Amino acid sequence: MKTKKIAVLLSLFLVCSLISMGQKPYDPSLNGKYEIAKAVSKAKKEGKHVLLQIGGNWCPWCIKMHNYLQTETSLNKLVEDNYIFLEVNYSVENKNLDALAELGYPQRFGFPVMLVLNGDGERLHTQNTGNLEQDKAYDYEKLKSFLYNWRPDALNPKLYK
């Protein structure tokens, strides 16, 4: 019982610490459609795909994904080498509904939801991140597999001759 109370207090401390540190990866003031267009343009120039993470600062799993992709070195490198990464806000302040409509309503999968776009802005894949979980965390191997299998080279027909 005492261990459970300590765990609850530590969790509460962690949440308060994140809030006080201003841990807010999603910016409700940004126009999702415009930011996606910029990311697509940059991806085309760099020969990368766009990786969108749709979510909000209100969503604990969205913050977990943000932190995991930032701190897990090999996953971070996989993202940086192959994608232009963009977190698109979905919240009461700004749901970015016009952008999400053009992307096939990915919010139907819950949050966060990940999308892969090519350098022409075409949606290649929508990933329900619930499928990337294991227990109460994201599963390293599942996330790595998703990122690896949707990188630009994975869709290069020359590799499959």
Protein backbone atom coordinates (compact mmCIF):
# COMPACT_ATOMS: atom_id res chain seq x y z
CA MET A 1 0.00 0.00 0.00
CA LYS A 2 2.83 2.37 0.90
CA THR A 3 4.57 1.58 -2.41
CA LYS A 4 1.39 2.45 -4.30
CA LYS A 5 1.17 5.85 -2.55
CA ILE A 6 4.81 6.58 -3.38
CA ALA A 7 4.21 5.66 -7.03
CA VAL A 8 1.17 7.96 -7.18
CA LEU A 9 3.13 10.83 -5.61
CA LEU A 10 6.04 10.32 -8.01
CA SER A 11 3.66 10.27 -10.98
CA LEU A 12 2.00 13.46 -9.76
CA PHE A 13 5.41 15.09 -9.32
CA LEU A 14 6.42 14.07 -12.85
CA VAL A 15 3.23 15.49 -14.38
CA CYS A 16 3.65 18.75 -12.43
CA SER A 17 7.29 18.95 -13.48
CA LEU A 18 6.41 18.55 -17.14
CA ILE A 19 3.72 21.20 -16.89
CA SER A 20 6.00 23.60 -15.07
CA MET A 21 8.80 23.05 -17.61
CA GLY A 22 6.42 24.20 -20.33
CA GLN A 23 6.41 20.80 -22.05
CA LYS A 24 4.10 21.78 -24.90
CA PRO A 25 5.13 20.24 -28.21
CA TYR A 26 1.81 21.13 -29.88
CA ASP A 27 1.23 24.77 -30.80
CA PRO A 28 -2.50 25.57 -31.16
CA SER A 29 -1.69 28.92 -32.79
CA LEU A 30 -0.23 27.25 -35.89
CA ASN A 31 -2.22 26.63 -39.05
CA GLY A 32 -1.84 22.88 -39.64
CA LYS A 33 -2.50 23.09 -43.37
CA TYR A 34 0.21 25.72 -43.84
CA GLU A 35 2.74 23.90 -41.64
CA ILE A 36 2.12 20.62 -43.47
CA ALA A 37 2.65 22.34 -46.84
CA LYS A 38 5.98 23.71 -45.57
CA ALA A 39 7.02 20.26 -44.31
CA VAL A 40 6.08 18.65 -47.64
CA SER A 41 8.10 21.22 -49.58
CA LYS A 42 11.13 20.64 -47.36
CA ALA A 43 10.73 16.85 -47.60
CA LYS A 44 10.66 17.00 -51.39
CA LYS A 45 13.87 19.06 -51.47
CA GLU A 46 15.61 16.69 -49.04
CA GLY A 47 14.32 13.41 -50.53
CA LYS A 48 12.48 12.53 -47.32
CA HIS A 49 8.96 11.72 -46.25
CA VAL A 50 6.87 13.77 -43.84
CA LEU A 51 5.99 12.20 -40.50
CA LEU A 52 3.00 13.89 -38.88
CA GLN A 53 2.05 13.30 -35.30
CA ILE A 54 -1.48 14.56 -34.69
CA GLY A 55 -2.38 15.19 -31.06
CA GLY A 56 -2.43 17.77 -28.34
CA ASN A 57 -0.81 18.94 -25.14
CA TRP A 58 -3.89 17.61 -23.28
CA CYS A 59 -3.08 14.02 -24.32
CA PRO A 60 -0.71 12.01 -22.08
CA TRP A 61 0.02 9.45 -24.83
CA CYS A 62 0.86 12.30 -27.24
CA ILE A 63 3.40 13.67 -24.77
CA LYS A 64 4.78 10.14 -24.21
CA MET A 65 5.29 9.72 -27.96
CA HIS A 66 6.91 13.14 -28.26
CA ASN A 67 9.31 12.38 -25.41
CA TYR A 68 10.07 8.87 -26.66
CA LEU A 69 10.95 10.04 -30.17
CA GLN A 70 13.13 12.80 -28.73
CA THR A 71 15.03 10.71 -26.20
CA GLU A 72 15.35 7.25 -27.79
CA THR A 73 18.55 7.88 -29.75
CA SER A 74 18.18 5.27 -32.50
CA LEU A 75 14.53 6.18 -33.15
CA ASN A 76 15.39 9.87 -33.19
CA LYS A 77 18.12 9.20 -35.78
CA LEU A 78 15.73 7.11 -37.89
CA VAL A 79 13.26 10.01 -37.89
CA GLU A 80 15.89 12.67 -38.60
CA ASP A 81 17.47 10.67 -41.43
CA ASN A 82 14.22 9.86 -43.22
CA TYR A 83 11.48 12.28 -42.29
CA ILE A 84 10.52 15.88 -41.80
CA PHE A 85 8.74 15.55 -38.45
CA LEU A 86 5.81 17.78 -37.56
CA GLU A 87 3.44 17.72 -34.60
CA VAL A 88 0.03 18.99 -35.65
CA ASN A 89 -2.26 20.30 -32.93
CA TYR A 90 -5.75 18.97 -32.27
CA SER A 91 -7.37 20.69 -29.30
CA VAL A 92 -10.30 22.84 -28.28
CA GLU A 93 -8.30 25.92 -29.31
CA ASN A 94 -7.56 24.60 -32.80
CA LYS A 95 -8.65 21.26 -34.22
CA ASN A 96 -7.10 21.89 -37.66
CA LEU A 97 -10.17 20.22 -39.16
CA ASP A 98 -9.49 21.43 -42.72
CA ALA A 99 -6.04 19.82 -42.71
CA LEU A 100 -7.35 16.61 -41.15
CA ALA A 101 -10.17 16.37 -43.70
CA GLU A 102 -7.59 16.47 -46.50
CA LEU A 103 -5.67 13.69 -44.72
CA GLY A 104 -8.66 11.33 -44.55
CA TYR A 105 -9.86 12.13 -41.01
CA PRO A 106 -7.05 10.43 -39.07
CA GLN A 107 -8.57 11.54 -35.76
CA ARG A 108 -10.89 8.53 -36.06
CA PHE A 109 -8.00 6.43 -34.70
CA GLY A 110 -7.64 8.48 -31.52
CA PHE A 111 -4.55 10.36 -30.40
CA PRO A 112 -1.78 10.50 -31.12
CA VAL A 113 -2.10 9.30 -34.68
CA MET A 114 0.85 9.25 -37.09
CA LEU A 115 0.74 9.87 -40.83
CA VAL A 116 3.38 9.41 -43.48
CA LEU A 117 3.26 11.69 -46.52
CA ASN A 118 5.57 11.63 -49.51
CA GLY A 119 7.33 14.66 -50.99
CA ASP A 120 4.25 15.41 -53.09
CA GLY A 121 2.03 15.56 -50.02
CA GLU A 122 0.27 12.29 -50.78
CA ARG A 123 -0.77 10.27 -47.75
CA LEU A 124 1.04 6.95 -47.80
CA HIS A 125 0.01 5.59 -44.43
CA THR A 126 -2.02 6.35 -41.32
CA GLN A 127 -0.79 4.64 -38.15
CA ASN A 128 -2.98 4.01 -35.14
CA THR A 129 -0.40 4.39 -32.35
CA GLY A 130 -2.38 2.09 -30.07
CA ASN A 131 -0.86 -0.68 -32.20
CA LEU A 132 2.61 0.53 -31.19
CA GLU A 133 2.00 0.15 -27.46
CA GLN A 134 3.07 -2.53 -25.05
CA ASP A 135 1.58 -2.40 -21.56
CA LYS A 136 1.71 1.27 -20.51
CA ALA A 137 4.45 2.44 -22.87
CA TYR A 138 5.41 2.47 -26.51
CA ASP A 139 7.12 -0.66 -27.75
CA TYR A 140 10.57 0.08 -29.17
CA GLU A 141 10.53 -2.72 -31.78
CA LYS A 142 7.03 -1.89 -33.04
CA LEU A 143 7.82 1.81 -33.37
CA LYS A 144 11.17 1.10 -35.02
CA SER A 145 9.48 -1.25 -37.50
CA PHE A 146 6.86 1.36 -38.37
CA LEU A 147 9.45 4.09 -38.92
CA TYR A 148 11.80 1.80 -40.85
CA ASN A 149 9.13 0.34 -43.14
CA TRP A 150 7.74 3.73 -44.20
CA ARG A 151 11.04 5.51 -44.87
CA PRO A 152 11.57 6.67 -48.50
CA ASP A 153 14.00 3.84 -49.39
CA ALA A 154 11.48 1.23 -48.29
CA LEU A 155 9.30 2.29 -51.23
CA ASN A 156 12.12 2.32 -53.79
CA PRO A 157 11.21 -0.22 -56.50
CA LYS A 158 14.90 -0.68 -57.41
CA LEU A 159 15.43 -2.42 -54.07
CA TYR A 160 12.96 -5.15 -54.98
CA LYS A 161 14.36 -6.41 -58.31
